[in-house]
Structure formats: C-alpha cells, structure tokens
Amino acid sequence: MYSERYASAVGYNSIGEFSSDSYFARNPYFDEPNIKECQKERKEKARKKQVDNISKTTTYDIIHKGKIILSFVIVGIILILVVFMSAYAADIRNINNELEKENIYLQSEIDSLNIKIGEASKIEYIEDTAINDLGMIYPDPSKCIYVSDDNMPSGSLANLIKQEAYN
C-alpha cells in the first residue's frame, strides 16, 4: 500500500498504520490535540488579521469618505456663495442703471433750464415781455420831467437805454 520510504516521511509504517517512531509521531506539534490547537491559533490569527485589516480599511474608508463629503460640502458652500454674490452684483448693477437713467433725466432737465435762463436773460426777451405782457412803453422825451437841465440827455432817453442795454 505505502512504500517504506513514504511511510517514514509521513509517519505510517509499511502496512499503513500510524508509526510511533516516525518523525510526525515523535514531534509533539503533530499530535492530534496540538494540530487542532495550531489550527485554532491559525484561524484566530487569520480572523484577527482580517478584523484588523477590516478595521484599518474601514477607518481609512470612513476618513476618506469624510474628507470627500467635507470637500463636497465646502465646494457646495462656495458655489452657493458665488450664486448669492452674483445675485447681489446683479442687484447693484440694476440700482446703478436706474441711477444712471435718473442722472441722464436730471442732466437733460438742467440743460433745459439753462437754455431757458439764457433766453430769459437776453435783453430782447426782457423788452418783449415788458412791452407785450406788462404793457410797458418807452418814455416819450417830451413827457419826461428833469430835476435840472444839466441831467437832461441830449437825445431820446429810450435810445440811450437801448444803447446801454446792448453794450
């Protein structure tokens, strides 16, 4: 059944029985109770190693996922701030445009009033308003009363007033 050479290596004799003089039989670690203990120890070490690897991996994964979530939250907050700031900038631009329109309207009103002031300060306009609206007339030199003869003008008083107004 088994060769002699194989039997001595595996611990069996020539008829296939377990031999006490073989290497395995003399080695205390290969006793049946020790084999079971070694197997238990190996399984326990493997389980501990697996648990350690799982806990390390889990801890790493949790930290990694936490960092990823935190980065998404930060990016989200930044994007929300950008949206709010662009809305605020648009609101400021809208207010600025309204103020510019109001400024243009006020400037045109100022220009119109300056033109009216310029027209109203012309001597022709003043004379026309005095004659037509107020009923004023130029004085007749024969109807003028002078306090003394020295003050009497040499020509017409109306012509004298016109000459002084236009010069």
Protein backbone atom coordinates (compact mmCIF):
# COMPACT_ATOMS: atom_id res chain seq x y z
CA MET A 1 0.00 0.00 0.00
CA TYR A 2 2.55 2.61 1.05
CA SER A 3 6.18 2.40 0.30
CA GLU A 4 8.64 2.23 3.17
CA ARG A 5 10.22 5.49 2.17
CA TYR A 6 6.92 7.31 2.07
CA ALA A 7 5.78 5.67 5.26
CA SER A 8 8.71 7.02 7.25
CA ALA A 9 8.19 10.50 5.91
CA VAL A 10 4.52 10.71 6.66
CA GLY A 11 4.55 8.69 9.84
CA TYR A 12 2.99 5.46 8.66
CA ASN A 13 4.60 2.02 8.67
CA SER A 14 4.66 -0.47 5.83
CA ILE A 15 1.19 -1.78 6.49
CA GLY A 16 -0.33 1.68 6.67
CA GLU A 17 -0.63 2.08 10.40
CA PHE A 18 0.48 5.16 12.21
CA SER A 19 4.02 4.57 13.41
CA SER A 20 5.23 5.92 16.74
CA ASP A 21 8.82 6.02 15.63
CA SER A 22 8.15 8.24 12.62
CA TYR A 23 9.07 11.95 12.54
CA PHE A 24 5.50 13.08 12.92
CA ALA A 25 4.82 10.76 15.77
CA ARG A 26 7.88 11.92 17.67
CA ASN A 27 7.14 15.61 17.10
CA PRO A 28 4.81 16.96 19.81
CA TYR A 29 3.31 19.59 17.47
CA PHE A 30 1.84 16.95 15.26
CA ASP A 31 -0.15 15.24 17.96
CA GLU A 32 -3.79 15.30 17.18
CA PRO A 33 -4.67 17.71 20.05
CA ASN A 34 -1.76 20.01 19.12
CA ILE A 35 -2.79 20.02 15.48
CA LYS A 36 -6.25 21.15 16.46
CA GLU A 37 -4.79 23.85 18.70
CA CYS A 38 -2.48 25.02 15.92
CA GLN A 39 -5.39 25.12 13.52
CA LYS A 40 -7.41 27.12 16.06
CA GLU A 41 -4.49 29.50 16.58
CA ARG A 42 -4.05 29.93 12.84
CA LYS A 43 -7.76 30.55 12.35
CA GLU A 44 -7.78 33.01 15.26
CA LYS A 45 -4.71 34.84 13.92
CA ALA A 46 -6.24 34.93 10.45
CA ARG A 47 -9.51 36.22 11.91
CA LYS A 48 -7.67 38.87 13.96
CA LYS A 49 -5.66 39.87 10.93
CA GLN A 50 -8.82 40.03 8.86
CA VAL A 51 -10.59 42.07 11.58
CA ASP A 52 -7.56 44.38 11.83
CA ASN A 53 -7.49 44.77 8.06
CA ILE A 54 -11.23 45.40 8.02
CA SER A 55 -11.00 47.92 10.85
CA LYS A 56 -8.00 49.64 9.22
CA THR A 57 -9.77 49.63 5.87
CA THR A 58 -13.00 50.75 7.48
CA THR A 59 -11.24 53.51 9.40
CA TYR A 60 -9.41 54.56 6.24
CA ASP A 61 -12.64 54.40 4.25
CA ILE A 62 -14.51 56.42 6.88
CA ILE A 63 -11.78 59.06 6.98
CA HIS A 64 -11.56 59.09 3.18
CA LYS A 65 -15.33 59.30 2.79
CA GLY A 66 -15.43 62.01 5.45
CA LYS A 67 -12.85 64.03 3.56
CA ILE A 68 -14.77 63.57 0.32
CA ILE A 69 -18.04 64.62 1.96
CA LEU A 70 -16.35 67.61 3.62
CA SER A 71 -14.85 68.68 0.30
CA PHE A 72 -18.28 68.42 -1.36
CA VAL A 73 -19.82 70.49 1.43
CA ILE A 74 -17.10 73.14 1.10
CA VAL A 75 -17.47 73.25 -2.69
CA GLY A 76 -21.25 73.47 -2.28
CA ILE A 77 -20.93 76.36 0.17
CA ILE A 78 -18.55 78.14 -2.18
CA LEU A 79 -20.92 77.66 -5.11
CA ILE A 80 -23.86 78.94 -3.05
CA LEU A 81 -21.80 81.99 -2.06
CA VAL A 82 -20.93 82.59 -5.71
CA VAL A 83 -24.62 82.45 -6.63
CA PHE A 84 -25.55 84.88 -3.84
CA MET A 85 -22.71 87.23 -4.73
CA SER A 86 -23.67 87.24 -8.41
CA ALA A 87 -27.29 87.94 -7.45
CA TYR A 88 -26.10 90.78 -5.21
CA ALA A 89 -23.90 92.13 -8.03
CA ALA A 90 -26.87 91.99 -10.42
CA ASP A 91 -28.98 93.89 -7.90
CA ILE A 92 -26.27 96.54 -7.55
CA ARG A 93 -25.99 96.78 -11.36
CA ASN A 94 -29.76 97.25 -11.57
CA ILE A 95 -29.67 100.05 -8.97
CA ASN A 96 -26.71 101.62 -10.79
CA ASN A 97 -28.59 101.54 -14.12
CA GLU A 98 -31.63 103.17 -12.53
CA LEU A 99 -29.44 105.89 -11.01
CA GLU A 100 -27.76 106.48 -14.36
CA LYS A 101 -31.17 106.87 -16.05
CA GLU A 102 -32.25 109.30 -13.35
CA ASN A 103 -28.96 111.16 -13.74
CA ILE A 104 -29.48 111.46 -17.51
CA TYR A 105 -33.04 112.75 -16.94
CA LEU A 106 -31.84 115.30 -14.37
CA GLN A 107 -28.97 116.41 -16.63
CA SER A 108 -31.40 117.00 -19.53
CA GLU A 109 -33.65 118.97 -17.18
CA ILE A 110 -30.66 121.07 -16.05
CA ASP A 111 -29.71 121.72 -19.68
CA SER A 112 -33.29 122.73 -20.48
CA LEU A 113 -33.36 125.13 -17.52
CA ASN A 114 -30.00 126.62 -18.52
CA ILE A 115 -31.37 127.25 -22.02
CA LYS A 116 -34.47 128.90 -20.54
CA ILE A 117 -32.30 131.06 -18.26
CA GLY A 118 -30.15 132.06 -21.22
CA GLU A 119 -33.20 133.01 -23.25
CA ALA A 120 -34.83 134.86 -20.37
CA SER A 121 -31.74 136.92 -19.68
CA LYS A 122 -31.49 138.25 -23.24
CA ILE A 123 -32.44 141.89 -23.49
CA GLU A 124 -34.81 141.26 -26.41
CA TYR A 125 -36.82 138.80 -24.36
CA ILE A 126 -36.96 141.19 -21.40
CA GLU A 127 -38.06 144.03 -23.69
CA ASP A 128 -40.68 141.87 -25.42
CA THR A 129 -42.09 140.68 -22.08
CA ALA A 130 -42.19 144.22 -20.69
CA ILE A 131 -43.99 145.64 -23.73
CA ASN A 132 -46.35 142.77 -24.59
CA ASP A 133 -47.09 141.13 -21.23
CA LEU A 134 -46.76 144.04 -18.81
CA GLY A 135 -47.90 146.86 -21.11
CA MET A 136 -44.82 149.00 -20.57
CA ILE A 137 -43.73 151.57 -23.16
CA TYR A 138 -40.62 153.60 -23.77
CA PRO A 139 -40.88 157.12 -22.35
CA ASP A 140 -41.59 159.99 -24.70
CA PRO A 141 -38.84 162.62 -24.36
CA SER A 142 -41.39 165.41 -24.31
CA LYS A 143 -43.20 163.86 -21.32
CA CYS A 144 -40.07 163.41 -19.21
CA ILE A 145 -39.54 165.70 -16.24
CA TYR A 146 -35.99 166.51 -15.33
CA VAL A 147 -34.90 167.87 -11.99
CA SER A 148 -32.28 170.05 -13.55
CA ASP A 149 -31.26 170.96 -17.06
CA ASP A 150 -27.79 169.54 -16.51
CA ASN A 151 -29.14 166.00 -16.23
CA MET A 152 -31.14 166.22 -19.41
CA PRO A 153 -29.84 163.82 -22.07
CA SER A 154 -29.00 165.16 -25.47
CA GLY A 155 -31.10 162.58 -27.34
CA SER A 156 -34.01 160.30 -26.64
CA LEU A 157 -33.99 158.51 -23.27
CA ALA A 158 -35.31 155.31 -24.88
CA ASN A 159 -32.44 155.26 -27.35
CA LEU A 160 -29.99 155.88 -24.54
CA ILE A 161 -31.41 152.92 -22.51
CA LYS A 162 -31.27 150.66 -25.59
CA GLN A 163 -27.66 151.60 -26.27
CA GLU A 164 -26.61 150.92 -22.67
CA ALA A 165 -28.52 147.59 -22.58
CA TYR A 166 -26.99 146.23 -25.78
CA ASN A 167 -23.44 147.28 -24.95
